[in-house]
């Protein structure tokens, strides 16, 4: 017993050639059923190729999404580590504040100096990315409206909207760059 395996690209090409020749020969011989069957085979081969192409595109998108997911998980671990450090700092400060309050020697302004030393580059980059993505969504909306304006014949409006979308995307890039500095 043999296992069913998908046809190779070469086999599909060969099947298409046979179907085209069979259709041609059937039409010459006046065999309508044979010509119809051969045409149906050709359509099926084209549909198989289209489905395979979509499948390959989906595989590529899936691989891209896996990379994005891994990057997001890594970013979450960085953020969790930073936030853990901030929580420890907050807990320490709270204990210190309670101690100062209990003995009447509260020195609040000096305690804030510790907070200024806390750095959160992953959190800052994450927030900048979220802001930039929101700005890019606005740029995408401008592009869609520009497409509508172009379709409806509003050339000036379309040009204005495209220029505005470009400026908005530059602003999004600045948001990201600011977080990276």
C-alpha atoms as a PDB file:
ATOM      1  CA  UNK A   1       0.000   0.000   0.000  1.00  0.00           C
ATOM      2  CA  UNK A   2       1.412   3.399  -0.962  1.00  0.00           C
ATOM      3  CA  UNK A   3       0.830   6.594   0.951  1.00  0.00           C
ATOM      4  CA  UNK A   4      -0.867   9.501  -0.740  1.00  0.00           C
ATOM      5  CA  UNK A   5       1.653  12.229  -1.355  1.00  0.00           C
ATOM      6  CA  UNK A   6       1.053  15.689  -2.786  1.00  0.00           C
ATOM      7  CA  UNK A   7       1.965  16.085  -6.428  1.00  0.00           C
ATOM      8  CA  UNK A   8       5.211  17.846  -7.134  1.00  0.00           C
ATOM      9  CA  UNK A   9       5.364  21.008  -9.193  1.00  0.00           C
ATOM     10  CA  UNK A  10       6.730  18.978 -12.107  1.00  0.00           C
ATOM     11  CA  UNK A  11       3.863  16.509 -11.855  1.00  0.00           C
ATOM     12  CA  UNK A  12       1.349  19.358 -11.867  1.00  0.00           C
ATOM     13  CA  UNK A  13       3.043  20.850 -14.945  1.00  0.00           C
ATOM     14  CA  UNK A  14       2.851  17.470 -16.676  1.00  0.00           C
ATOM     15  CA  UNK A  15      -0.822  17.029 -15.707  1.00  0.00           C
ATOM     16  CA  UNK A  16      -1.596  20.497 -17.072  1.00  0.00           C
ATOM     17  CA  UNK A  17       0.112  19.659 -20.379  1.00  0.00           C
ATOM     18  CA  UNK A  18      -1.784  16.377 -20.669  1.00  0.00           C
ATOM     19  CA  UNK A  19      -5.092  18.122 -19.870  1.00  0.00           C
ATOM     20  CA  UNK A  20      -4.474  20.888 -22.431  1.00  0.00           C
ATOM     21  CA  UNK A  21      -3.583  18.341 -25.115  1.00  0.00           C
ATOM     22  CA  UNK A  22      -6.555  16.140 -24.190  1.00  0.00           C
ATOM     23  CA  UNK A  23      -8.916  19.117 -24.374  1.00  0.00           C
ATOM     24  CA  UNK A  24      -7.538  20.129 -27.762  1.00  0.00           C
ATOM     25  CA  UNK A  25      -7.798  16.580 -29.123  1.00  0.00           C
ATOM     26  CA  UNK A  26     -11.314  16.106 -27.683  1.00  0.00           C
ATOM     27  CA  UNK A  27     -12.512  19.365 -29.228  1.00  0.00           C
ATOM     28  CA  UNK A  28     -11.086  18.308 -32.628  1.00  0.00           C
ATOM     29  CA  UNK A  29     -12.814  14.942 -32.340  1.00  0.00           C
ATOM     30  CA  UNK A  30     -16.084  16.554 -31.261  1.00  0.00           C
ATOM     31  CA  UNK A  31     -16.029  14.860 -27.848  1.00  0.00           C
ATOM     32  CA  UNK A  32     -17.587  17.541 -25.639  1.00  0.00           C
ATOM     33  CA  UNK A  33     -17.523  15.489 -22.436  1.00  0.00           C
ATOM     34  CA  UNK A  34     -13.807  14.788 -22.803  1.00  0.00           C
ATOM     35  CA  UNK A  35     -13.055  18.458 -23.510  1.00  0.00           C
ATOM     36  CA  UNK A  36     -15.114  19.530 -20.465  1.00  0.00           C
ATOM     37  CA  UNK A  37     -13.331  17.019 -18.256  1.00  0.00           C
ATOM     38  CA  UNK A  38      -9.914  18.198 -19.493  1.00  0.00           C
ATOM     39  CA  UNK A  39     -10.876  21.807 -18.813  1.00  0.00           C
ATOM     40  CA  UNK A  40     -11.975  20.867 -15.282  1.00  0.00           C
ATOM     41  CA  UNK A  41      -8.593  19.210 -14.690  1.00  0.00           C
ATOM     42  CA  UNK A  42      -6.835  22.402 -15.844  1.00  0.00           C
ATOM     43  CA  UNK A  43      -8.922  24.506 -13.445  1.00  0.00           C
ATOM     44  CA  UNK A  44      -8.144  22.085 -10.620  1.00  0.00           C
ATOM     45  CA  UNK A  45      -4.408  22.297 -11.303  1.00  0.00           C
ATOM     46  CA  UNK A  46      -4.568  26.098 -11.263  1.00  0.00           C
ATOM     47  CA  UNK A  47      -6.496  26.017  -7.983  1.00  0.00           C
ATOM     48  CA  UNK A  48      -3.985  23.602  -6.438  1.00  0.00           C
ATOM     49  CA  UNK A  49      -1.163  25.947  -7.410  1.00  0.00           C
ATOM     50  CA  UNK A  50      -3.029  28.926  -5.924  1.00  0.00           C
ATOM     51  CA  UNK A  51      -3.722  27.072  -2.673  1.00  0.00           C
ATOM     52  CA  UNK A  52      -0.072  26.013  -2.439  1.00  0.00           C
ATOM     53  CA  UNK A  53       1.025  29.583  -2.994  1.00  0.00           C
ATOM     54  CA  UNK A  54      -1.304  30.785  -0.230  1.00  0.00           C
ATOM     55  CA  UNK A  55      -0.066  27.954   2.017  1.00  0.00           C
ATOM     56  CA  UNK A  56       3.559  28.971   1.462  1.00  0.00           C
ATOM     57  CA  UNK A  57       2.678  32.603   2.197  1.00  0.00           C
ATOM     58  CA  UNK A  58       0.936  31.546   5.413  1.00  0.00           C
ATOM     59  CA  UNK A  59       3.975  29.467   6.402  1.00  0.00           C
ATOM     60  CA  UNK A  60       6.167  32.517   5.868  1.00  0.00           C
ATOM     61  CA  UNK A  61       3.810  34.698   7.906  1.00  0.00           C
ATOM     62  CA  UNK A  62       3.747  32.058  10.639  1.00  0.00           C
ATOM     63  CA  UNK A  63       7.558  32.058  10.783  1.00  0.00           C
ATOM     64  CA  UNK A  64       7.552  35.858  10.988  1.00  0.00           C
ATOM     65  CA  UNK A  65       4.976  35.744  13.775  1.00  0.00           C
ATOM     66  CA  UNK A  66       7.056  33.186  15.670  1.00  0.00           C
ATOM     67  CA  UNK A  67      10.003  35.588  15.575  1.00  0.00           C
ATOM     68  CA  UNK A  68       7.764  38.457  16.704  1.00  0.00           C
ATOM     69  CA  UNK A  69       6.412  36.313  19.539  1.00  0.00           C
ATOM     70  CA  UNK A  70       9.928  35.376  20.668  1.00  0.00           C
ATOM     71  CA  UNK A  71      10.917  39.047  20.615  1.00  0.00           C
ATOM     72  CA  UNK A  72       7.799  40.008  22.569  1.00  0.00           C
ATOM     73  CA  UNK A  73       8.470  37.302  25.158  1.00  0.00           C
ATOM     74  CA  UNK A  74      12.037  38.536  25.530  1.00  0.00           C
ATOM     75  CA  UNK A  75      10.802  42.105  25.958  1.00  0.00           C
ATOM     76  CA  UNK A  76       8.305  40.938  28.581  1.00  0.00           C
ATOM     77  CA  UNK A  77      11.101  39.232  30.524  1.00  0.00           C
ATOM     78  CA  UNK A  78      13.137  42.463  30.416  1.00  0.00           C
ATOM     79  CA  UNK A  79      10.150  44.499  31.581  1.00  0.00           C
ATOM     80  CA  UNK A  80       9.394  42.018  34.351  1.00  0.00           C
ATOM     81  CA  UNK A  81      13.002  42.218  35.572  1.00  0.00           C
ATOM     82  CA  UNK A  82      12.923  46.023  35.567  1.00  0.00           C
ATOM     83  CA  UNK A  83       9.560  46.137  37.295  1.00  0.00           C
ATOM     84  CA  UNK A  84      10.770  43.634  39.872  1.00  0.00           C
ATOM     85  CA  UNK A  85      13.723  45.896  40.645  1.00  0.00           C
ATOM     86  CA  UNK A  86      11.393  48.883  40.931  1.00  0.00           C
ATOM     87  CA  UNK A  87       9.117  46.934  43.290  1.00  0.00           C
ATOM     88  CA  UNK A  88      12.078  45.991  45.482  1.00  0.00           C
ATOM     89  CA  UNK A  89      13.145  49.647  45.514  1.00  0.00           C
ATOM     90  CA  UNK A  90       9.597  50.711  46.384  1.00  0.00           C
ATOM     91  CA  UNK A  91       9.400  48.175  49.215  1.00  0.00           C
ATOM     92  CA  UNK A  92      12.745  49.366  50.601  1.00  0.00           C
ATOM     93  CA  UNK A  93      11.705  52.987  50.385  1.00  0.00           C
ATOM     94  CA  UNK A  94       8.407  52.243  52.073  1.00  0.00           C
ATOM     95  CA  UNK A  95      10.210  50.560  54.966  1.00  0.00           C
ATOM     96  CA  UNK A  96      12.656  53.453  55.222  1.00  0.00           C
ATOM     97  CA  UNK A  97       9.827  55.982  55.183  1.00  0.00           C
ATOM     98  CA  UNK A  98       8.021  54.105  57.944  1.00  0.00           C
ATOM     99  CA  UNK A  99      11.219  54.113  60.008  1.00  0.00           C
ATOM    100  CA  UNK A 100      11.733  57.842  59.584  1.00  0.00           C
ATOM    101  CA  UNK A 101       8.122  58.574  60.366  1.00  0.00           C
ATOM    102  CA  UNK A 102       8.151  56.462  63.510  1.00  0.00           C
ATOM    103  CA  UNK A 103      11.161  58.231  65.042  1.00  0.00           C
ATOM    104  CA  UNK A 104      10.195  61.720  63.820  1.00  0.00           C
ATOM    105  CA  UNK A 105      13.235  62.100  61.565  1.00  0.00           C
ATOM    106  CA  UNK A 106      11.438  62.073  58.178  1.00  0.00           C
ATOM    107  CA  UNK A 107      13.698  63.298  55.404  1.00  0.00           C
ATOM    108  CA  UNK A 108      11.485  62.810  52.339  1.00  0.00           C
ATOM    109  CA  UNK A 109      13.460  64.819  49.780  1.00  0.00           C
ATOM    110  CA  UNK A 110      16.617  62.738  50.313  1.00  0.00           C
ATOM    111  CA  UNK A 111      14.649  59.535  49.772  1.00  0.00           C
ATOM    112  CA  UNK A 112      13.618  60.718  46.307  1.00  0.00           C
ATOM    113  CA  UNK A 113      17.245  60.813  45.242  1.00  0.00           C
ATOM    114  CA  UNK A 114      17.179  57.012  45.134  1.00  0.00           C
ATOM    115  CA  UNK A 115      14.301  57.047  42.644  1.00  0.00           C
ATOM    116  CA  UNK A 116      16.197  59.260  40.232  1.00  0.00           C
ATOM    117  CA  UNK A 117      18.858  56.578  39.916  1.00  0.00           C
ATOM    118  CA  UNK A 118      16.393  53.911  38.772  1.00  0.00           C
ATOM    119  CA  UNK A 119      16.708  53.304  35.028  1.00  0.00           C
ATOM    120  CA  UNK A 120      14.047  51.510  32.980  1.00  0.00           C
ATOM    121  CA  UNK A 121      15.325  51.283  29.390  1.00  0.00           C
ATOM    122  CA  UNK A 122      13.196  48.270  28.448  1.00  0.00           C
ATOM    123  CA  UNK A 123      10.042  49.896  29.826  1.00  0.00           C
ATOM    124  CA  UNK A 124      10.913  53.175  28.087  1.00  0.00           C
ATOM    125  CA  UNK A 125      11.540  51.395  24.772  1.00  0.00           C
ATOM    126  CA  UNK A 126       8.329  49.381  25.138  1.00  0.00           C
ATOM    127  CA  UNK A 127       6.262  52.490  25.788  1.00  0.00           C
ATOM    128  CA  UNK A 128       7.928  54.324  22.895  1.00  0.00           C
ATOM    129  CA  UNK A 129       7.140  51.397  20.603  1.00  0.00           C
ATOM    130  CA  UNK A 130       3.496  51.378  21.710  1.00  0.00           C
ATOM    131  CA  UNK A 131       3.252  55.119  21.058  1.00  0.00           C
ATOM    132  CA  UNK A 132       4.950  54.763  17.672  1.00  0.00           C
ATOM    133  CA  UNK A 133       2.608  51.947  16.652  1.00  0.00           C
ATOM    134  CA  UNK A 134      -0.381  54.109  17.556  1.00  0.00           C
ATOM    135  CA  UNK A 135       0.996  56.953  15.464  1.00  0.00           C
ATOM    136  CA  UNK A 136       1.608  54.536  12.559  1.00  0.00           C
ATOM    137  CA  UNK A 137      -1.998  53.351  12.808  1.00  0.00           C
ATOM    138  CA  UNK A 138      -3.029  56.960  12.278  1.00  0.00           C
ATOM    139  CA  UNK A 139      -0.709  57.152   9.237  1.00  0.00           C
ATOM    140  CA  UNK A 140      -2.303  53.979   7.845  1.00  0.00           C
ATOM    141  CA  UNK A 141      -5.724  55.579   8.268  1.00  0.00           C
ATOM    142  CA  UNK A 142      -4.518  58.653   6.384  1.00  0.00           C
ATOM    143  CA  UNK A 143      -3.298  56.386   3.573  1.00  0.00           C
ATOM    144  CA  UNK A 144      -6.676  54.628   3.376  1.00  0.00           C
ATOM    145  CA  UNK A 145      -8.485  57.965   3.198  1.00  0.00           C
ATOM    146  CA  UNK A 146      -5.987  59.076   0.522  1.00  0.00           C
ATOM    147  CA  UNK A 147      -6.809  55.910  -1.460  1.00  0.00           C
ATOM    148  CA  UNK A 148     -10.503  56.829  -1.250  1.00  0.00           C
ATOM    149  CA  UNK A 149      -9.755  60.413  -2.317  1.00  0.00           C
ATOM    150  CA  UNK A 150      -7.684  59.175  -5.260  1.00  0.00           C
ATOM    151  CA  UNK A 151     -10.427  56.752  -6.309  1.00  0.00           C
ATOM    152  CA  UNK A 152     -12.978  59.575  -6.127  1.00  0.00           C
ATOM    153  CA  UNK A 153     -10.798  61.940  -8.163  1.00  0.00           C
ATOM    154  CA  UNK A 154      -9.719  64.332  -5.406  1.00  0.00           C
ATOM    155  CA  UNK A 155      -6.103  64.715  -6.494  1.00  0.00           C
ATOM    156  CA  UNK A 156      -5.219  67.614  -4.189  1.00  0.00           C
ATOM    157  CA  UNK A 157      -6.745  65.941  -1.129  1.00  0.00           C
ATOM    158  CA  UNK A 158      -4.971  62.688  -1.947  1.00  0.00           C
ATOM    159  CA  UNK A 159      -1.579  64.410  -2.223  1.00  0.00           C
ATOM    160  CA  UNK A 160      -2.117  66.289   1.030  1.00  0.00           C
ATOM    161  CA  UNK A 161      -3.108  63.117   2.889  1.00  0.00           C
ATOM    162  CA  UNK A 162      -0.110  61.157   1.544  1.00  0.00           C
ATOM    163  CA  UNK A 163       2.254  63.951   2.616  1.00  0.00           C
ATOM    164  CA  UNK A 164       0.611  64.058   6.034  1.00  0.00           C
ATOM    165  CA  UNK A 165       0.953  60.263   6.408  1.00  0.00           C
ATOM    166  CA  UNK A 166       4.651  60.512   5.542  1.00  0.00           C
ATOM    167  CA  UNK A 167       5.152  63.195   8.197  1.00  0.00           C
ATOM    168  CA  UNK A 168       3.296  61.111  10.761  1.00  0.00           C
ATOM    169  CA  UNK A 169       5.537  58.102  10.013  1.00  0.00           C
ATOM    170  CA  UNK A 170       8.622  60.276  10.506  1.00  0.00           C
ATOM    171  CA  UNK A 171       7.223  61.304  13.866  1.00  0.00           C
ATOM    172  CA  UNK A 172       6.754  57.614  14.774  1.00  0.00           C
ATOM    173  CA  UNK A 173      10.404  56.986  13.873  1.00  0.00           C
ATOM    174  CA  UNK A 174      11.427  59.877  16.139  1.00  0.00           C
ATOM    175  CA  UNK A 175       9.443  58.355  18.999  1.00  0.00           C
ATOM    176  CA  UNK A 176      11.354  55.104  18.583  1.00  0.00           C
ATOM    177  CA  UNK A 177      14.686  56.856  18.219  1.00  0.00           C
ATOM    178  CA  UNK A 178      14.093  58.918  21.359  1.00  0.00           C
ATOM    179  CA  UNK A 179      13.673  55.738  23.380  1.00  0.00           C
ATOM    180  CA  UNK A 180      16.874  54.268  21.941  1.00  0.00           C
ATOM    181  CA  UNK A 181      19.038  57.223  22.985  1.00  0.00           C
END
